[in-house]
Structures are given as structure tokens and as C-alpha cells.
N, C-alpha and C. Protein backbone atom coordinates (compact mmCIF):
# COMPACT_ATOMS: atom_id res chain seq x y z
N MET A 1 -17.56 5.34 0.37
CA MET A 1 -18.13 6.88 0.15
C MET A 1 -17.14 8.10 -0.22
N ALA A 2 -16.15 7.79 0.90
CA ALA A 2 -14.99 8.25 1.31
C ALA A 2 -14.10 8.24 0.05
N ASP A 3 -13.95 7.46 -0.36
CA ASP A 3 -13.00 6.79 -1.60
C ASP A 3 -13.63 8.21 -2.76
N LEU A 4 -14.98 7.84 -3.54
CA LEU A 4 -15.57 8.81 -4.14
C LEU A 4 -15.33 10.26 -3.72
N LEU A 5 -15.79 10.78 -2.37
CA LEU A 5 -15.27 12.26 -2.12
C LEU A 5 -13.76 12.32 -1.94
N SER A 6 -13.52 11.93 -1.71
CA SER A 6 -11.53 11.80 -1.71
C SER A 6 -11.64 12.07 -3.76
N HIS A 7 -12.12 11.18 -3.95
CA HIS A 7 -11.35 11.39 -5.60
C HIS A 7 -12.15 12.63 -6.40
N LEU A 8 -13.20 13.12 -5.70
CA LEU A 8 -13.88 14.30 -5.80
C LEU A 8 -13.17 15.54 -5.60
N LEU A 9 -13.02 15.38 -4.38
CA LEU A 9 -11.64 16.80 -3.66
C LEU A 9 -10.40 16.79 -4.25
N ALA A 10 -9.99 15.52 -4.53
CA ALA A 10 -8.73 15.71 -5.15
C ALA A 10 -8.45 16.56 -6.76
N ALA A 11 -9.71 16.00 -7.26
CA ALA A 11 -9.89 16.65 -8.54
C ALA A 11 -10.08 18.02 -8.94
N TYR A 12 -10.98 18.39 -7.37
CA TYR A 12 -11.14 19.75 -7.45
C TYR A 12 -10.29 20.79 -7.29
N ALA A 13 -9.16 20.14 -6.50
CA ALA A 13 -7.74 21.11 -5.85
C ALA A 13 -6.88 21.01 -7.51
N LEU A 14 -6.98 19.96 -8.20
CA LEU A 14 -5.83 19.80 -9.07
C LEU A 14 -6.67 20.72 -10.20
N PHE A 15 -7.73 20.59 -10.46
CA PHE A 15 -8.52 21.44 -11.64
C PHE A 15 -8.26 23.18 -11.34
N THR A 16 -8.61 23.25 -10.32
CA THR A 16 -8.24 24.43 -9.45
C THR A 16 -7.01 25.44 -9.84
N VAL A 17 -6.03 24.63 -9.37
CA VAL A 17 -4.87 25.16 -9.67
C VAL A 17 -4.46 24.96 -10.98
N ALA A 18 -4.71 24.01 -11.72
CA ALA A 18 -4.82 24.49 -13.25
C ALA A 18 -5.46 25.30 -13.76
N SER A 19 -6.32 26.12 -12.86
CA SER A 19 -6.92 26.99 -13.68
C SER A 19 -6.54 28.43 -13.53
N TRP A 20 -5.27 28.54 -12.52
CA TRP A 20 -5.04 29.98 -12.20
C TRP A 20 -3.76 29.99 -13.43
N ARG A 21 -3.41 28.76 -14.28
CA ARG A 21 -2.40 29.10 -15.25
C ARG A 21 -3.35 29.29 -16.57
N ILE A 22 -4.61 28.23 -16.76
CA ILE A 22 -5.40 28.41 -17.91
C ILE A 22 -6.84 29.52 -17.77
N ASP A 23 -6.60 30.06 -18.72
CA ASP A 23 -7.62 31.49 -18.73
C ASP A 23 -8.98 30.75 -19.09
N TRP A 24 -9.23 29.89 -19.65
CA TRP A 24 -10.86 29.33 -20.14
C TRP A 24 -11.39 28.66 -18.97
N LEU A 25 -10.33 27.51 -18.37
CA LEU A 25 -11.00 26.61 -17.35
C LEU A 25 -11.47 27.64 -16.25
N ASP A 26 -12.53 27.73 -15.92
CA ASP A 26 -13.34 28.66 -14.74
C ASP A 26 -13.82 27.89 -13.69
N ARG A 27 -14.37 28.11 -13.09
CA ARG A 27 -15.08 27.27 -11.78
C ARG A 27 -16.16 26.25 -12.54
N GLN A 28 -17.05 26.92 -13.84
CA GLN A 28 -18.17 25.63 -14.43
C GLN A 28 -17.36 24.38 -15.23
N TRP A 29 -16.18 24.71 -15.60
CA TRP A 29 -15.36 23.58 -16.07
C TRP A 29 -14.38 22.90 -15.56
N VAL A 30 -14.00 23.35 -14.10
CA VAL A 30 -13.66 22.78 -13.06
C VAL A 30 -14.57 21.71 -12.74
N VAL A 31 -15.89 21.79 -12.59
CA VAL A 31 -16.88 20.73 -12.21
C VAL A 31 -16.58 19.85 -13.18
N VAL A 32 -17.05 20.42 -14.07
CA VAL A 32 -17.07 19.22 -15.60
C VAL A 32 -15.68 18.48 -15.00
N GLY A 33 -14.41 18.65 -15.00
CA GLY A 33 -13.44 17.56 -14.86
C GLY A 33 -13.98 16.62 -13.43
N MET A 34 -14.46 17.58 -12.38
CA MET A 34 -14.64 16.74 -11.25
C MET A 34 -15.44 15.60 -11.51
N GLY A 35 -16.31 15.77 -12.50
CA GLY A 35 -17.51 14.54 -12.93
C GLY A 35 -16.60 13.48 -13.47
N GLY A 36 -15.24 13.93 -14.34
CA GLY A 36 -14.66 12.64 -14.55
C GLY A 36 -14.06 11.50 -13.44
N ALA A 37 -13.91 12.60 -12.43
CA ALA A 37 -13.11 11.65 -11.40
C ALA A 37 -14.08 10.54 -10.53
N ALA A 38 -15.36 10.72 -10.73
CA ALA A 38 -16.46 9.97 -10.40
C ALA A 38 -16.56 8.93 -11.18
N ILE A 39 -16.33 8.78 -12.58
CA ILE A 39 -16.27 7.56 -13.49
C ILE A 39 -15.62 6.22 -12.96
N PRO A 40 -14.55 6.27 -12.08
CA PRO A 40 -14.06 4.52 -11.85
C PRO A 40 -14.79 4.14 -11.03
N ASP A 41 -15.27 5.08 -9.79
CA ASP A 41 -16.00 4.57 -8.89
C ASP A 41 -17.68 4.11 -9.52
N LEU A 42 -18.12 4.60 -10.68
CA LEU A 42 -19.46 3.96 -10.98
C LEU A 42 -19.58 2.42 -10.58
N VAL A 43 -18.34 1.70 -10.71
CA VAL A 43 -18.50 0.15 -10.00
C VAL A 43 -19.65 -0.26 -9.12
N LYS A 44 -19.61 0.78 -8.00
CA LYS A 44 -20.44 0.86 -7.11
C LYS A 44 -21.58 0.71 -7.40
N VAL A 45 -22.47 1.14 -8.65
CA VAL A 45 -23.62 0.85 -8.82
C VAL A 45 -24.04 -0.10 -8.64
N GLY A 46 -23.07 -1.38 -8.84
CA GLY A 46 -23.62 -2.80 -8.59
C GLY A 46 -23.74 -2.89 -7.44
N ILE A 47 -23.88 -2.25 -6.47
CA ILE A 47 -24.19 -2.50 -5.02
C ILE A 47 -25.60 -2.51 -5.06
N VAL A 48 -26.21 -1.71 -6.03
CA VAL A 48 -27.57 -1.51 -6.15
C VAL A 48 -28.17 -2.22 -7.63
N LEU A 49 -27.35 -2.15 -8.24
CA LEU A 49 -28.04 -2.88 -9.85
C LEU A 49 -27.19 -4.08 -10.14
N ASP A 50 -27.79 -5.23 -9.89
CA ASP A 50 -26.75 -6.44 -9.83
C ASP A 50 -26.60 -6.15 -11.37
N SER A 51 -25.78 -6.84 -11.73
CA SER A 51 -24.52 -6.64 -13.51
C SER A 51 -25.60 -7.84 -13.70
N ASP A 52 -26.36 -8.75 -13.32
CA ASP A 52 -26.67 -10.06 -14.00
C ASP A 52 -28.40 -9.50 -14.37
N THR A 53 -28.70 -8.31 -13.75
CA THR A 53 -29.63 -8.02 -14.14
C THR A 53 -30.02 -6.98 -15.37
N VAL A 54 -28.73 -5.93 -15.08
CA VAL A 54 -28.67 -5.19 -16.36
C VAL A 54 -28.32 -6.36 -17.87
N GLU A 55 -27.36 -7.25 -17.41
CA GLU A 55 -27.39 -8.45 -18.77
C GLU A 55 -28.11 -9.15 -19.43
N THR A 56 -29.33 -9.29 -18.24
CA THR A 56 -30.40 -9.61 -18.89
C THR A 56 -31.21 -8.77 -19.57
N VAL A 57 -31.27 -7.48 -19.28
CA VAL A 57 -31.95 -6.81 -19.95
C VAL A 57 -31.27 -6.41 -21.12
N LEU A 58 -30.39 -6.08 -21.32
CA LEU A 58 -29.05 -5.82 -22.08
C LEU A 58 -28.99 -7.08 -23.21
N GLY A 59 -29.18 -8.07 -22.97
CA GLY A 59 -29.03 -9.75 -23.76
C GLY A 59 -27.58 -9.82 -24.21
N VAL A 60 -26.68 -9.17 -23.34
CA VAL A 60 -25.32 -9.56 -23.65
C VAL A 60 -24.18 -9.53 -22.47
N PRO A 61 -23.35 -10.20 -22.51
CA PRO A 61 -22.73 -10.27 -20.97
C PRO A 61 -22.27 -8.92 -20.69
N PHE A 62 -22.33 -8.61 -19.37
CA PHE A 62 -22.08 -7.28 -19.07
C PHE A 62 -21.32 -7.34 -17.47
N SER A 63 -20.36 -6.34 -17.29
CA SER A 63 -19.51 -6.34 -15.72
C SER A 63 -19.58 -4.73 -16.25
N TYR A 64 -19.78 -4.52 -14.68
CA TYR A 64 -19.40 -2.97 -13.90
C TYR A 64 -17.34 -2.81 -13.94
N SER A 65 -17.02 -4.23 -14.07
CA SER A 65 -15.32 -3.90 -13.61
C SER A 65 -14.89 -2.61 -14.76
N PRO A 66 -15.05 -2.78 -16.32
CA PRO A 66 -14.28 -1.84 -16.92
C PRO A 66 -14.45 -0.54 -16.48
N LEU A 67 -15.54 -0.14 -16.24
CA LEU A 67 -15.58 1.09 -15.86
C LEU A 67 -14.90 1.77 -14.72
N SER A 68 -14.05 1.10 -14.09
CA SER A 68 -13.04 1.46 -13.14
C SER A 68 -11.42 1.19 -14.15
N LYS A 69 -11.55 1.27 -15.43
CA LYS A 69 -10.52 0.79 -15.73
C LYS A 69 -9.97 2.45 -16.69
N LEU A 70 -9.23 2.25 -17.40
CA LEU A 70 -8.99 3.27 -18.41
C LEU A 70 -9.86 3.24 -19.61
N GLY A 71 -9.85 2.40 -19.83
CA GLY A 71 -10.75 2.06 -21.27
C GLY A 71 -12.55 2.35 -20.67
N GLY A 72 -12.91 2.17 -19.65
CA GLY A 72 -14.14 2.52 -19.05
C GLY A 72 -14.22 4.12 -19.02
N VAL A 73 -12.90 4.43 -18.49
CA VAL A 73 -12.88 6.24 -18.16
C VAL A 73 -13.04 7.04 -19.80
N LEU A 74 -12.34 5.88 -20.72
CA LEU A 74 -12.46 6.60 -22.42
C LEU A 74 -13.93 6.72 -22.69
N LEU A 75 -14.56 5.48 -22.60
CA LEU A 75 -16.02 5.54 -22.79
C LEU A 75 -16.58 6.08 -22.31
N VAL A 76 -16.89 6.39 -21.02
CA VAL A 76 -17.79 6.96 -20.48
C VAL A 76 -17.93 8.51 -20.88
N ALA A 77 -16.53 9.14 -20.77
CA ALA A 77 -16.03 10.54 -20.83
C ALA A 77 -16.76 10.93 -22.85
N GLY A 78 -16.84 9.65 -23.25
CA GLY A 78 -17.19 10.09 -24.38
C GLY A 78 -18.85 10.54 -24.57
N LEU A 79 -19.24 9.63 -23.55
CA LEU A 79 -20.46 9.57 -23.66
C LEU A 79 -20.97 10.84 -22.94
N ILE A 80 -20.38 11.28 -21.45
CA ILE A 80 -20.57 12.45 -21.41
C ILE A 80 -20.53 13.32 -22.30
N SER A 81 -19.25 13.82 -22.96
CA SER A 81 -19.33 14.69 -23.91
C SER A 81 -20.42 14.87 -24.67
N LEU A 82 -21.03 13.74 -25.07
CA LEU A 82 -22.11 14.26 -26.07
C LEU A 82 -23.26 14.72 -25.37
N ALA A 83 -23.40 14.93 -24.15
CA ALA A 83 -24.53 15.24 -23.42
C ALA A 83 -24.31 16.92 -23.95
N PHE A 84 -23.02 17.10 -24.17
CA PHE A 84 -23.14 18.74 -24.20
C PHE A 84 -23.10 19.38 -25.66
N GLN A 85 -23.28 20.58 -26.02
CA GLN A 85 -23.26 20.89 -27.04
C GLN A 85 -21.84 20.50 -28.40
N SER A 86 -22.05 20.32 -29.31
CA SER A 86 -20.81 19.99 -30.19
C SER A 86 -19.56 20.60 -30.17
N ARG A 87 -20.11 22.05 -29.72
CA ARG A 87 -18.66 23.02 -30.18
C ARG A 87 -18.35 22.81 -28.65
N TYR A 88 -17.98 21.85 -27.97
CA TYR A 88 -17.92 22.09 -26.65
C TYR A 88 -17.02 20.22 -26.03
N TRP A 89 -17.02 20.00 -26.99
CA TRP A 89 -16.81 18.61 -26.96
C TRP A 89 -15.29 18.22 -26.81
N ARG A 90 -14.40 19.69 -27.74
CA ARG A 90 -13.27 19.09 -27.22
C ARG A 90 -12.67 19.73 -25.87
N ARG A 91 -13.70 20.35 -25.44
CA ARG A 91 -13.42 20.78 -24.01
C ARG A 91 -13.75 19.85 -23.02
N VAL A 92 -14.59 19.38 -23.47
CA VAL A 92 -15.18 18.55 -21.88
C VAL A 92 -14.51 17.26 -22.18
N TYR A 93 -14.30 16.50 -23.13
CA TYR A 93 -13.79 15.19 -23.63
C TYR A 93 -12.14 15.15 -22.59
N PRO A 94 -11.75 16.10 -22.82
CA PRO A 94 -10.13 15.82 -22.18
C PRO A 94 -10.37 16.17 -20.78
N LEU A 95 -10.84 17.26 -20.35
CA LEU A 95 -11.31 17.80 -18.61
C LEU A 95 -11.87 16.63 -18.25
N VAL A 96 -12.83 15.54 -18.80
CA VAL A 96 -13.31 14.39 -18.28
C VAL A 96 -12.34 13.67 -18.02
N VAL A 97 -11.67 13.30 -19.05
CA VAL A 97 -10.59 12.41 -18.88
C VAL A 97 -9.56 12.12 -17.93
N CYS A 98 -9.15 13.55 -18.04
CA CYS A 98 -8.27 13.75 -16.72
C CYS A 98 -8.70 14.05 -15.25
N GLY A 99 -10.02 14.19 -15.35
CA GLY A 99 -10.60 13.95 -13.88
C GLY A 99 -10.48 12.55 -13.81
N GLY A 100 -10.99 11.21 -14.58
CA GLY A 100 -10.67 9.85 -14.30
C GLY A 100 -9.27 9.59 -13.93
N LEU A 101 -8.78 10.19 -14.71
CA LEU A 101 -7.12 10.09 -14.80
C LEU A 101 -6.78 10.23 -13.07
N SER A 102 -6.97 11.07 -12.36
CA SER A 102 -6.65 11.46 -11.70
C SER A 102 -7.14 10.39 -10.50
N SER A 103 -8.59 10.13 -10.91
CA SER A 103 -9.02 9.24 -9.86
C SER A 103 -8.25 7.66 -9.89
N LEU A 104 -8.07 7.29 -11.13
CA LEU A 104 -7.37 6.16 -11.43
C LEU A 104 -5.99 6.41 -10.66
N LEU A 105 -5.33 7.71 -10.50
CA LEU A 105 -3.51 7.50 -10.57
C LEU A 105 -3.60 7.48 -8.56
N GLY A 106 -5.20 8.15 -8.17
CA GLY A 106 -5.25 7.78 -6.69
C GLY A 106 -5.59 6.38 -6.27
N ASP A 107 -6.33 5.73 -7.18
CA ASP A 107 -6.62 4.46 -6.78
C ASP A 107 -5.39 3.53 -6.96
N GLY A 108 -4.39 4.33 -7.82
CA GLY A 108 -3.04 3.29 -8.01
C GLY A 108 -2.11 3.16 -6.94
N LEU A 109 -2.22 4.02 -5.99
CA LEU A 109 -1.80 4.15 -4.47
C LEU A 109 -1.95 3.46 -3.54
N ARG A 110 -3.02 3.06 -3.65
CA ARG A 110 -4.11 2.42 -2.53
C ARG A 110 -2.56 0.91 -2.23
N ALA A 111 -3.47 0.41 -0.79
CA ALA A 111 -2.69 -0.87 -0.66
C ALA A 111 -3.36 -1.74 -1.24
N TYR A 112 -2.38 -2.81 -1.92
CA TYR A 112 -2.84 -3.96 -2.42
C TYR A 112 -2.02 -5.24 -1.82
N ALA A 113 -2.72 -6.45 -1.04
CA ALA A 113 -2.78 -7.68 -0.75
C ALA A 113 -1.07 -8.04 -1.54
N ASP A 114 -0.66 -8.08 -2.93
CA ASP A 114 0.45 -8.53 -3.60
C ASP A 114 1.20 -7.34 -3.46
N GLY A 115 0.89 -6.16 -3.52
CA GLY A 115 1.72 -4.81 -3.38
C GLY A 115 1.69 -4.41 -5.09
N ARG A 116 0.62 -5.14 -5.94
CA ARG A 116 0.56 -4.46 -7.45
C ARG A 116 -0.85 -4.13 -7.50
N ALA A 117 -1.05 -2.31 -7.89
CA ALA A 117 -2.26 -2.25 -8.20
C ALA A 117 -3.19 -3.03 -9.18
N SER A 118 -4.43 -2.51 -9.59
CA SER A 118 -5.23 -3.04 -10.40
C SER A 118 -4.64 -3.34 -11.51
N ALA A 119 -5.54 -3.67 -12.92
CA ALA A 119 -4.95 -3.53 -13.66
C ALA A 119 -5.78 -2.56 -14.85
N TRP A 120 -5.72 -0.91 -14.24
CA TRP A 120 -6.37 -0.26 -14.70
C TRP A 120 -5.94 0.35 -15.70
N LEU A 121 -5.22 0.23 -16.52
CA LEU A 121 -4.66 0.51 -17.74
C LEU A 121 -5.82 -0.58 -19.27
N TYR A 122 -6.18 -1.46 -18.41
CA TYR A 122 -6.98 -2.16 -19.31
C TYR A 122 -8.09 -1.24 -20.09
N PRO A 123 -8.01 -1.68 -21.79
CA PRO A 123 -8.40 -2.58 -22.18
C PRO A 123 -6.54 -2.40 -22.96
N PHE A 124 -5.78 -1.59 -22.67
CA PHE A 124 -4.14 -1.24 -23.24
C PHE A 124 -3.60 -2.45 -22.80
N THR A 125 -3.30 -2.58 -21.66
CA THR A 125 -2.45 -3.89 -21.19
C THR A 125 -3.23 -4.38 -19.87
N ASN A 126 -2.97 -5.62 -19.45
CA ASN A 126 -3.30 -6.46 -18.25
C ASN A 126 -2.28 -5.92 -17.31
N TRP A 127 -1.23 -5.18 -17.59
CA TRP A 127 -0.14 -5.19 -16.10
C TRP A 127 -0.32 -4.61 -15.55
N ARG A 128 0.02 -5.01 -13.92
CA ARG A 128 -0.45 -4.58 -13.10
C ARG A 128 0.72 -3.78 -12.16
N PRO A 129 1.00 -2.51 -12.38
CA PRO A 129 1.80 -1.83 -11.97
C PRO A 129 2.14 -1.77 -10.35
N PRO A 130 3.27 -1.52 -9.70
CA PRO A 130 3.44 -1.95 -8.05
C PRO A 130 2.94 -0.67 -7.77
N THR A 131 2.61 -0.56 -6.63
CA THR A 131 1.81 0.85 -5.49
C THR A 131 2.58 0.46 -4.69
N PRO A 132 2.77 1.77 -4.24
CA PRO A 132 3.51 2.56 -2.86
C PRO A 132 2.77 2.12 -1.62
N SER A 133 1.43 1.64 -2.29
CA SER A 133 0.12 1.16 -0.76
C SER A 133 0.16 2.07 0.42
N LEU A 134 -0.08 3.61 0.09
CA LEU A 134 0.12 4.69 1.00
C LEU A 134 -1.38 4.15 2.03
N TYR A 135 -2.18 3.50 1.17
CA TYR A 135 -3.48 3.71 2.30
C TYR A 135 -4.33 3.25 1.51
N VAL A 136 -5.67 2.59 2.73
CA VAL A 136 -6.62 1.98 2.24
C VAL A 136 -8.01 2.43 2.15
N SER A 137 -8.65 2.05 0.97
CA SER A 137 -10.31 2.94 0.70
C SER A 137 -10.92 3.08 2.01
N SER A 138 -10.89 2.20 3.15
CA SER A 138 -11.44 2.33 4.24
C SER A 138 -10.85 3.88 5.41
N ASP A 139 -9.70 4.03 5.05
CA ASP A 139 -8.56 4.67 5.84
C ASP A 139 -9.66 6.33 5.90
N PRO A 140 -9.84 6.68 7.09
CA PRO A 140 -10.70 7.79 7.40
C PRO A 140 -9.37 9.04 6.97
N ARG A 141 -7.76 8.91 6.96
CA ARG A 141 -7.11 9.60 7.12
C ARG A 141 -6.79 9.79 5.75
N ALA A 142 -7.29 9.16 4.63
CA ALA A 142 -7.17 9.20 3.11
C ALA A 142 -8.05 10.97 3.07
N LEU A 143 -9.43 10.62 3.44
CA LEU A 143 -10.03 11.93 3.47
C LEU A 143 -9.74 12.97 3.87
N VAL A 144 -9.26 12.89 5.14
CA VAL A 144 -8.97 13.81 5.86
C VAL A 144 -7.67 14.83 5.00
N VAL A 145 -6.38 14.25 4.32
CA VAL A 145 -5.92 14.64 3.58
C VAL A 145 -6.50 15.25 2.52
N ALA A 146 -7.38 14.73 1.59
CA ALA A 146 -7.96 15.29 0.85
C ALA A 146 -8.72 16.52 0.97
N LEU A 147 -9.85 16.17 2.22
CA LEU A 147 -10.50 17.68 2.91
C LEU A 147 -9.46 18.78 2.80
N VAL A 148 -8.03 18.76 3.25
CA VAL A 148 -7.04 19.74 3.82
C VAL A 148 -6.49 20.15 2.59
N PHE A 149 -5.97 19.38 1.60
CA PHE A 149 -5.49 19.59 0.14
C PHE A 149 -6.63 20.65 -0.40
N ALA A 150 -7.80 20.25 -0.54
CA ALA A 150 -8.73 21.09 -1.05
C ALA A 150 -9.53 22.23 -0.46
N ALA A 151 -9.36 21.84 0.82
CA ALA A 151 -9.45 23.64 1.73
C ALA A 151 -8.50 24.52 1.54
N VAL A 152 -7.38 24.29 1.38
CA VAL A 152 -5.88 25.02 1.23
C VAL A 152 -6.33 25.59 -0.24
N VAL A 153 -6.60 24.55 -1.06
CA VAL A 153 -6.30 25.50 -2.70
C VAL A 153 -8.02 26.58 -2.56
N LEU A 154 -8.51 25.71 -1.78
CA LEU A 154 -10.21 26.85 -2.01
C LEU A 154 -9.78 28.33 -1.19
N VAL A 155 -9.25 28.18 -0.17
CA VAL A 155 -8.63 29.37 0.49
C VAL A 155 -7.75 30.30 -0.41
N LEU A 156 -6.82 29.24 -1.29
CA LEU A 156 -5.57 30.03 -1.68
C LEU A 156 -6.67 30.75 -2.93
N ASP A 157 -7.45 29.87 -3.67
CA ASP A 157 -8.10 30.58 -4.75
C ASP A 157 -9.32 31.85 -4.58
N ARG A 158 -9.59 31.59 -3.35
CA ARG A 158 -10.65 33.08 -2.98
C ARG A 158 -9.92 33.78 -2.33
N ARG A 159 -8.98 34.12 -1.53
CA ARG A 159 -8.40 34.91 -1.21
C ARG A 159 -6.79 35.67 -1.91
N VAL A 160 -6.29 34.77 -2.50
CA VAL A 160 -5.11 35.37 -3.14
C VAL A 160 -5.11 35.29 -4.79
N VAL A 161 -6.09 34.13 -5.47
CA VAL A 161 -5.85 34.31 -7.12
C VAL A 161 -6.96 35.24 -7.23
N ASP A 162 -8.60 35.28 -6.71
CA ASP A 162 -9.47 35.87 -6.72
C ASP A 162 -9.46 37.69 -6.51
N ALA A 163 -8.23 38.14 -5.55
CA ALA A 163 -7.83 39.32 -5.04
C ALA A 163 -7.55 40.14 -6.18
């Protein structure tokens, strides 16, 4: 869960900073972008709902794994966009995709045993980029860094920008 919270806090900070320059990007749209940061973590639904069960219900092969890749982010972002009125689709889709990309980039900084990140560019390529191995998902320091970063942005947004 710390990984998901870290992704949401990082997306909050990034979108809030972007809102300082983009007039239409107010707090409600920042939250929409933050939703995109949760998409790659949808694979954790597999803890509660087994993929074999979903496969049986749908009648087709199913795996949660592609949700944590670029293709999954693009697909789920499209589905999320459909929940909005069509006049907002051009705004919602890029925000949700950017949120998902911020999460994927954060995951790309994690430590992997072989020094290469997961193939998060799937289905476009199976290439696994090298990773700087900055942290592991269970490391509470990553969450602390995200909390401090988001808190600094929050204070700046409320005290300096809104003033």
C-alpha cells in the first residue's frame, strides 16, 4: 500500500506544480490526474480476486499483469475517460495517462535483482530499461520522501501561489 500512496502523492505534487502554469488545471483536475497514478497498481486486485476466477467468468484468458504496463495505462485511461461527458474526454485522457506514466516512471526507479526494470513499455516493446535501483517497494523511506515532497508542494500551493 505504501507504493500506491507514494504514487498518488508524487502525482499530486507533479500535477499541482503543473497547475501553477496551466490555467485550467485546478484542484479537481489534479485529482483526475492522480487517479491515473493508481492504474499500474490495479494488479494488486489479484490479491482479492484471482485472475483464474475472472478468466472463468469472461471465458477468455486473463491476467492482471498488463495493467502495470504502458498498454494497460492507455486502455484503462480510455475507459476512465468514458465515465466523463464527451466534452471532457480531451482533457481527462491525457491527465489520466500522465498520472499513469508518473507511476510507471517511479516504478522504473525501483531496485530489481538483475538491474533492469520491468518491461513497462509493453505492448510496444518488451525491452527492459536499466534501473538506478534507488529503492524497494517495501522501503518506508520512499513513502517518507513522497510525503515530504507532497507536503512542501501543498504548503507552497496554499501559502505562496494562492496568496
